[in-house]
C-alpha atoms as a PDB file:
ATOM      1  CA  MET A   1     110.976  -3.611 105.164  1.00  0.00           C
ATOM      2  CA  THR A   2     110.829  -7.238 106.235  1.00  0.00           C
ATOM      3  CA  ASP A   3     110.674 -10.088 103.732  1.00  0.00           C
ATOM      4  CA  GLN A   4     107.019 -10.637 104.651  1.00  0.00           C
ATOM      5  CA  ASP A   5     106.281  -6.941 104.056  1.00  0.00           C
ATOM      6  CA  ARG A   6     107.977  -7.109 100.632  1.00  0.00           C
ATOM      7  CA  VAL A   7     105.932 -10.185  99.691  1.00  0.00           C
ATOM      8  CA  GLU A   8     102.703  -8.479 100.724  1.00  0.00           C
ATOM      9  CA  TYR A   9     103.701  -5.270  98.933  1.00  0.00           C
ATOM     10  CA  PHE A  10     104.487  -7.178  95.728  1.00  0.00           C
ATOM     11  CA  ILE A  11     101.202  -9.088  95.819  1.00  0.00           C
ATOM     12  CA  SER A  12      99.232  -5.926  96.553  1.00  0.00           C
ATOM     13  CA  GLU A  13     100.842  -3.930  93.742  1.00  0.00           C
ATOM     14  CA  LEU A  14     100.490  -6.791  91.260  1.00  0.00           C
ATOM     15  CA  ALA A  15      96.825  -7.254  92.158  1.00  0.00           C
ATOM     16  CA  LYS A  16      96.140  -3.556  91.481  1.00  0.00           C
ATOM     17  CA  VAL A  17      97.449  -3.727  87.895  1.00  0.00           C
ATOM     18  CA  GLU A  18      97.110  -7.386  86.932  1.00  0.00           C
ATOM     19  CA  ARG A  19      94.119  -6.926  84.601  1.00  0.00           C
ATOM     20  CA  LYS A  20      95.766  -3.954  82.895  1.00  0.00           C
ATOM     21  CA  LEU A  21      98.965  -5.983  82.451  1.00  0.00           C
ATOM     22  CA  ALA A  22      97.009  -8.835  80.872  1.00  0.00           C
ATOM     23  CA  LEU A  23      95.371  -6.451  78.405  1.00  0.00           C
ATOM     24  CA  HIS A  24      98.711  -4.768  77.730  1.00  0.00           C
ATOM     25  CA  THR A  25     100.311  -8.125  76.933  1.00  0.00           C
ATOM     26  CA  LEU A  26      97.431  -9.070  74.661  1.00  0.00           C
ATOM     27  CA  THR A  27      97.880  -5.835  72.669  1.00  0.00           C
ATOM     28  CA  MET A  28     101.402  -6.935  71.797  1.00  0.00           C
ATOM     29  CA  VAL A  29     100.751 -10.624  71.175  1.00  0.00           C
ATOM     30  CA  ARG A  30      97.790 -11.590  69.048  1.00  0.00           C
ATOM     31  CA  ASN A  31      97.413 -15.122  70.415  1.00  0.00           C
ATOM     32  CA  GLU A  32      95.625 -15.221  73.774  1.00  0.00           C
ATOM     33  CA  THR A  33      97.350 -18.413  74.932  1.00  0.00           C
ATOM     34  CA  ASP A  34     100.780 -16.993  74.066  1.00  0.00           C
ATOM     35  CA  ALA A  35      99.906 -13.738  75.833  1.00  0.00           C
ATOM     36  CA  GLU A  36      98.926 -15.667  78.979  1.00  0.00           C
ATOM     37  CA  ASP A  37     102.197 -17.627  78.866  1.00  0.00           C
ATOM     38  CA  ILE A  38     104.210 -14.439  78.403  1.00  0.00           C
ATOM     39  CA  LEU A  39     102.397 -12.750  81.283  1.00  0.00           C
ATOM     40  CA  GLN A  40     103.040 -15.722  83.576  1.00  0.00           C
ATOM     41  CA  GLN A  41     106.727 -15.680  82.637  1.00  0.00           C
ATOM     42  CA  ALA A  42     106.829 -11.923  83.188  1.00  0.00           C
ATOM     43  CA  LYS A  43     105.331 -12.355  86.662  1.00  0.00           C
ATOM     44  CA  LEU A  44     108.110 -14.798  87.521  1.00  0.00           C
ATOM     45  CA  VAL A  45     110.690 -12.314  86.263  1.00  0.00           C
ATOM     46  CA  MET A  46     108.998  -9.538  88.276  1.00  0.00           C
ATOM     47  CA  TRP A  47     109.128 -11.645  91.422  1.00  0.00           C
ATOM     48  CA  ARG A  48     112.783 -12.568  90.897  1.00  0.00           C
ATOM     49  CA  ALA A  49     113.694  -8.939  90.130  1.00  0.00           C
ATOM     50  CA  PHE A  50     111.503  -7.417  92.833  1.00  0.00           C
ATOM     51  CA  GLY A  51     114.563  -6.596  94.917  1.00  0.00           C
ATOM     52  CA  GLN A  52     115.469  -4.058  92.216  1.00  0.00           C
ATOM     53  CA  PHE A  53     112.061  -2.356  92.403  1.00  0.00           C
ATOM     54  CA  THR A  54     111.941   0.803  94.494  1.00  0.00           C
ATOM     55  CA  PRO A  55     108.766   0.853  96.632  1.00  0.00           C
ATOM     56  CA  GLY A  56     106.744   3.979  96.062  1.00  0.00           C
ATOM     57  CA  THR A  57     107.650   4.230  92.387  1.00  0.00           C
ATOM     58  CA  ASN A  58     105.309   3.239  89.547  1.00  0.00           C
ATOM     59  CA  PHE A  59     104.894  -0.540  89.792  1.00  0.00           C
ATOM     60  CA  GLY A  60     102.752  -0.658  86.631  1.00  0.00           C
ATOM     61  CA  ALA A  61     105.399   1.078  84.503  1.00  0.00           C
ATOM     62  CA  TRP A  62     108.097  -1.232  85.887  1.00  0.00           C
ATOM     63  CA  ALA A  63     105.933  -4.297  85.167  1.00  0.00           C
ATOM     64  CA  ARG A  64     105.122  -3.124  81.616  1.00  0.00           C
ATOM     65  CA  LYS A  65     108.846  -2.819  80.838  1.00  0.00           C
ATOM     66  CA  ILE A  66     109.386  -6.387  82.013  1.00  0.00           C
ATOM     67  CA  ILE A  67     106.459  -7.559  79.876  1.00  0.00           C
ATOM     68  CA  LEU A  68     107.871  -5.741  76.845  1.00  0.00           C
ATOM     69  CA  ASN A  69     111.201  -7.513  77.342  1.00  0.00           C
ATOM     70  CA  GLN A  70     109.399 -10.853  77.664  1.00  0.00           C
ATOM     71  CA  VAL A  71     107.470 -10.182  74.446  1.00  0.00           C
ATOM     72  CA  LEU A  72     110.702  -9.323  72.632  1.00  0.00           C
ATOM     73  CA  THR A  73     112.327 -12.519  73.966  1.00  0.00           C
ATOM     74  CA  TYR A  74     109.280 -14.538  72.929  1.00  0.00           C
ATOM     75  CA  ARG A  75     109.407 -13.079  69.432  1.00  0.00           C
ATOM     76  CA  LYS A  76     113.073 -14.002  69.067  1.00  0.00           C
ATOM     77  CA  LYS A  77     112.338 -17.595  70.071  1.00  0.00           C
ATOM     78  CA  LYS A  78     109.466 -17.971  67.628  1.00  0.00           C
ATOM     79  CA  LYS A  79     110.016 -18.060  63.942  1.00  0.00           C
ATOM     80  CA  ARG A  80     109.287 -14.746  62.317  1.00  0.00           C
ATOM     81  CA  ASP A  81     105.687 -14.473  61.268  1.00  0.00           C
ATOM     82  CA  PRO A  82     105.259 -12.107  58.321  1.00  0.00           C
ATOM     83  CA  LEU A  83     102.079 -10.709  59.882  1.00  0.00           C
ATOM     84  CA  TRP A  84     103.875  -9.549  63.022  1.00  0.00           C
ATOM     85  CA  PHE A  85     104.921  -5.947  63.453  1.00  0.00           C
ATOM     86  CA  ASN A  86     108.654  -5.461  63.483  1.00  0.00           C
ATOM     87  CA  ASP A  87     110.333  -4.739  66.828  1.00  0.00           C
ATOM     88  CA  ASP A  88     110.645  -1.004  66.114  1.00  0.00           C
ATOM     89  CA  ILE A  89     106.880  -0.673  65.694  1.00  0.00           C
ATOM     90  CA  LEU A  90     106.305  -2.790  68.787  1.00  0.00           C
ATOM     91  CA  LEU A  91     108.582  -0.474  70.789  1.00  0.00           C
ATOM     92  CA  LEU A  92     106.718   2.589  69.473  1.00  0.00           C
ATOM     93  CA  VAL A  93     103.390   1.054  70.459  1.00  0.00           C
ATOM     94  CA  ALA A  94     104.757   0.229  73.923  1.00  0.00           C
ATOM     95  CA  GLU A  95     105.956   3.826  74.316  1.00  0.00           C
ATOM     96  CA  GLU A  96     102.534   5.168  73.299  1.00  0.00           C
ATOM     97  CA  VAL A  97     100.827   2.831  75.766  1.00  0.00           C
ATOM     98  CA  GLU A  98     103.170   4.014  78.510  1.00  0.00           C
ATOM     99  CA  GLN A  99     102.367   7.668  77.783  1.00  0.00           C
ATOM    100  CA  ALA A 100      98.640   6.911  77.718  1.00  0.00           C
ATOM    101  CA  ASN A 101      98.930   5.092  81.063  1.00  0.00           C
ATOM    102  CA  GLU A 102     100.734   8.058  82.601  1.00  0.00           C
ATOM    103  CA  ALA A 103      98.008  10.411  81.363  1.00  0.00           C
ATOM    104  CA  LEU A 104      95.276   8.114  82.690  1.00  0.00           C
ATOM    105  CA  GLU A 105      96.976   7.823  86.071  1.00  0.00           C
ATOM    106  CA  TYR A 106      97.216  11.609  86.268  1.00  0.00           C
ATOM    107  CA  GLN A 107      93.551  11.997  85.325  1.00  0.00           C
ATOM    108  CA  GLN A 108      92.548   9.455  87.978  1.00  0.00           C
ATOM    109  CA  ALA A 109      94.547  11.349  90.607  1.00  0.00           C
ATOM    110  CA  ALA A 110      93.000  14.627  89.458  1.00  0.00           C
ATOM    111  CA  LEU A 111      89.519  13.088  89.693  1.00  0.00           C
ATOM    112  CA  LYS A 112      90.148  11.990  93.280  1.00  0.00           C
ATOM    113  CA  GLU A 113      91.364  15.477  94.157  1.00  0.00           C
ATOM    114  CA  CYS A 114      88.412  17.134  92.414  1.00  0.00           C
ATOM    115  CA  VAL A 115      85.913  14.884  94.190  1.00  0.00           C
ATOM    116  CA  THR A 116      87.360  15.958  97.551  1.00  0.00           C
ATOM    117  CA  LYS A 117      86.603  19.576  96.606  1.00  0.00           C
ATOM    118  CA  LEU A 118      82.891  18.857  96.136  1.00  0.00           C
ATOM    119  CA  PRO A 119      80.402  19.689  98.879  1.00  0.00           C
ATOM    120  CA  THR A 120      79.679  16.711 101.126  1.00  0.00           C
ATOM    121  CA  ASP A 121      76.108  16.281  99.875  1.00  0.00           C
ATOM    122  CA  HIS A 122      77.349  16.124  96.271  1.00  0.00           C
ATOM    123  CA  ARG A 123      79.971  13.501  97.192  1.00  0.00           C
ATOM    124  CA  ASP A 124      77.244  11.526  98.967  1.00  0.00           C
ATOM    125  CA  ILE A 125      75.055  11.553  95.854  1.00  0.00           C
ATOM    126  CA  LEU A 126      78.010  10.440  93.679  1.00  0.00           C
ATOM    127  CA  GLN A 127      78.677   7.658  96.166  1.00  0.00           C
ATOM    128  CA  LEU A 128      75.079   6.500  96.022  1.00  0.00           C
ATOM    129  CA  ARG A 129      74.882   6.616  92.230  1.00  0.00           C
ATOM    130  CA  TYR A 130      78.226   5.218  91.123  1.00  0.00           C
ATOM    131  CA  PHE A 131      79.439   3.089  94.008  1.00  0.00           C
ATOM    132  CA  GLY A 132      76.144   2.190  95.641  1.00  0.00           C
ATOM    133  CA  LYS A 133      74.618   1.613  92.192  1.00  0.00           C
ATOM    134  CA  ARG A 134      71.414   3.266  93.354  1.00  0.00           C
ATOM    135  CA  SER A 135      68.762   4.307  90.874  1.00  0.00           C
ATOM    136  CA  ILE A 136      67.830   7.952  90.389  1.00  0.00           C
ATOM    137  CA  GLU A 137      64.485   7.168  91.998  1.00  0.00           C
ATOM    138  CA  GLU A 138      66.162   5.690  95.091  1.00  0.00           C
ATOM    139  CA  ILE A 139      68.512   8.665  95.389  1.00  0.00           C
ATOM    140  CA  ALA A 140      65.631  11.120  95.011  1.00  0.00           C
ATOM    141  CA  THR A 141      63.730   9.361  97.770  1.00  0.00           C
ATOM    142  CA  SER A 142      66.688   9.201 100.166  1.00  0.00           C
ATOM    143  CA  CYS A 143      67.662  12.852  99.499  1.00  0.00           C
ATOM    144  CA  GLU A 144      64.076  14.105  99.485  1.00  0.00           C
ATOM    145  CA  ARG A 145      64.448  15.600  96.014  1.00  0.00           C
ATOM    146  CA  THR A 146      62.587  15.073  92.770  1.00  0.00           C
ATOM    147  CA  GLU A 147      64.056  12.724  90.188  1.00  0.00           C
ATOM    148  CA  GLY A 148      64.473  15.683  87.829  1.00  0.00           C
ATOM    149  CA  ALA A 149      66.409  17.573  90.501  1.00  0.00           C
ATOM    150  CA  VAL A 150      68.722  14.580  91.015  1.00  0.00           C
ATOM    151  CA  TYR A 151      69.328  14.285  87.255  1.00  0.00           C
ATOM    152  CA  ARG A 152      70.156  18.002  87.048  1.00  0.00           C
ATOM    153  CA  LEU A 153      72.412  17.841  90.096  1.00  0.00           C
ATOM    154  CA  LEU A 154      74.326  14.826  88.764  1.00  0.00           C
ATOM    155  CA  SER A 155      74.739  16.625  85.450  1.00  0.00           C
ATOM    156  CA  ARG A 156      76.153  19.708  87.213  1.00  0.00           C
ATOM    157  CA  ILE A 157      78.444  17.548  89.369  1.00  0.00           C
ATOM    158  CA  ARG A 158      79.808  15.718  86.297  1.00  0.00           C
ATOM    159  CA  LYS A 159      80.372  19.053  84.519  1.00  0.00           C
ATOM    160  CA  ASN A 160      82.150  20.486  87.567  1.00  0.00           C
ATOM    161  CA  LEU A 161      84.350  17.394  87.806  1.00  0.00           C
ATOM    162  CA  HIS A 162      85.111  17.579  84.074  1.00  0.00           C
ATOM    163  CA  ASP A 163      86.048  21.260  84.356  1.00  0.00           C
ATOM    164  CA  CYS A 164      88.175  20.635  87.444  1.00  0.00           C
ATOM    165  CA  ILE A 165      90.048  17.727  85.807  1.00  0.00           C
ATOM    166  CA  SER A 166      90.550  19.728  82.593  1.00  0.00           C
ATOM    167  CA  SER A 167      91.902  22.677  84.565  1.00  0.00           C
ATOM    168  CA  SER A 168      94.204  20.419  86.559  1.00  0.00           C
ATOM    169  CA  THR A 169      95.411  18.702  83.381  1.00  0.00           C
ATOM    170  CA  ARG A 170      96.110  22.041  81.685  1.00  0.00           C
ATOM    171  CA  GLN A 171      98.013  23.234  84.741  1.00  0.00           C
ATOM    172  CA  GLU A 172     100.056  20.031  84.818  1.00  0.00           C
ATOM    173  CA  ALA A 173     100.877  20.456  81.119  1.00  0.00           C
ATOM    174  CA  LEU A 174     102.013  24.044  81.733  1.00  0.00           C
ATOM    175  CA  ASN A 175     104.205  22.877  84.607  1.00  0.00           C
ATOM    176  CA  HIS A 176     105.988  20.417  82.294  1.00  0.00           C
ATOM    177  CA  VAL A 177     106.696  22.944  79.526  1.00  0.00           C
END
């Protein structure tokens, strides 16, 4: 991978998770300005340490660990505020967030897989409704269906996706036992 490729890869991966990283930082630091400063410092650390990152692994998890270390460093520099959680609680919260992120990432992957299993016309209707932001009336007109039929179809599609994701999640849990 050339230096230019690494730069583009870093920027691309950071852009995908930047908002989540900002929210993650804010959950650990109650002051928005301090959280922004910590995130900016963490981004510098990420860039400097990017040579240690293995492409193809979980960039978000790697970035969250760097942010946690920056928060811990920040807390050491500041005088102890009696309203702050102690570091042990902060580490527990960070661990819970990491587990929740892993579960969410798995659910998102399962959703993508489940959507590919839908009939083409169902995927088209999902596309119109959720990505095209079309109204039920517009979808009914373009699909030559009644509005009631579109509502019922979307309800069935959502239920099928829910069942598919639940089944996939259960199977994944069984595989890790």
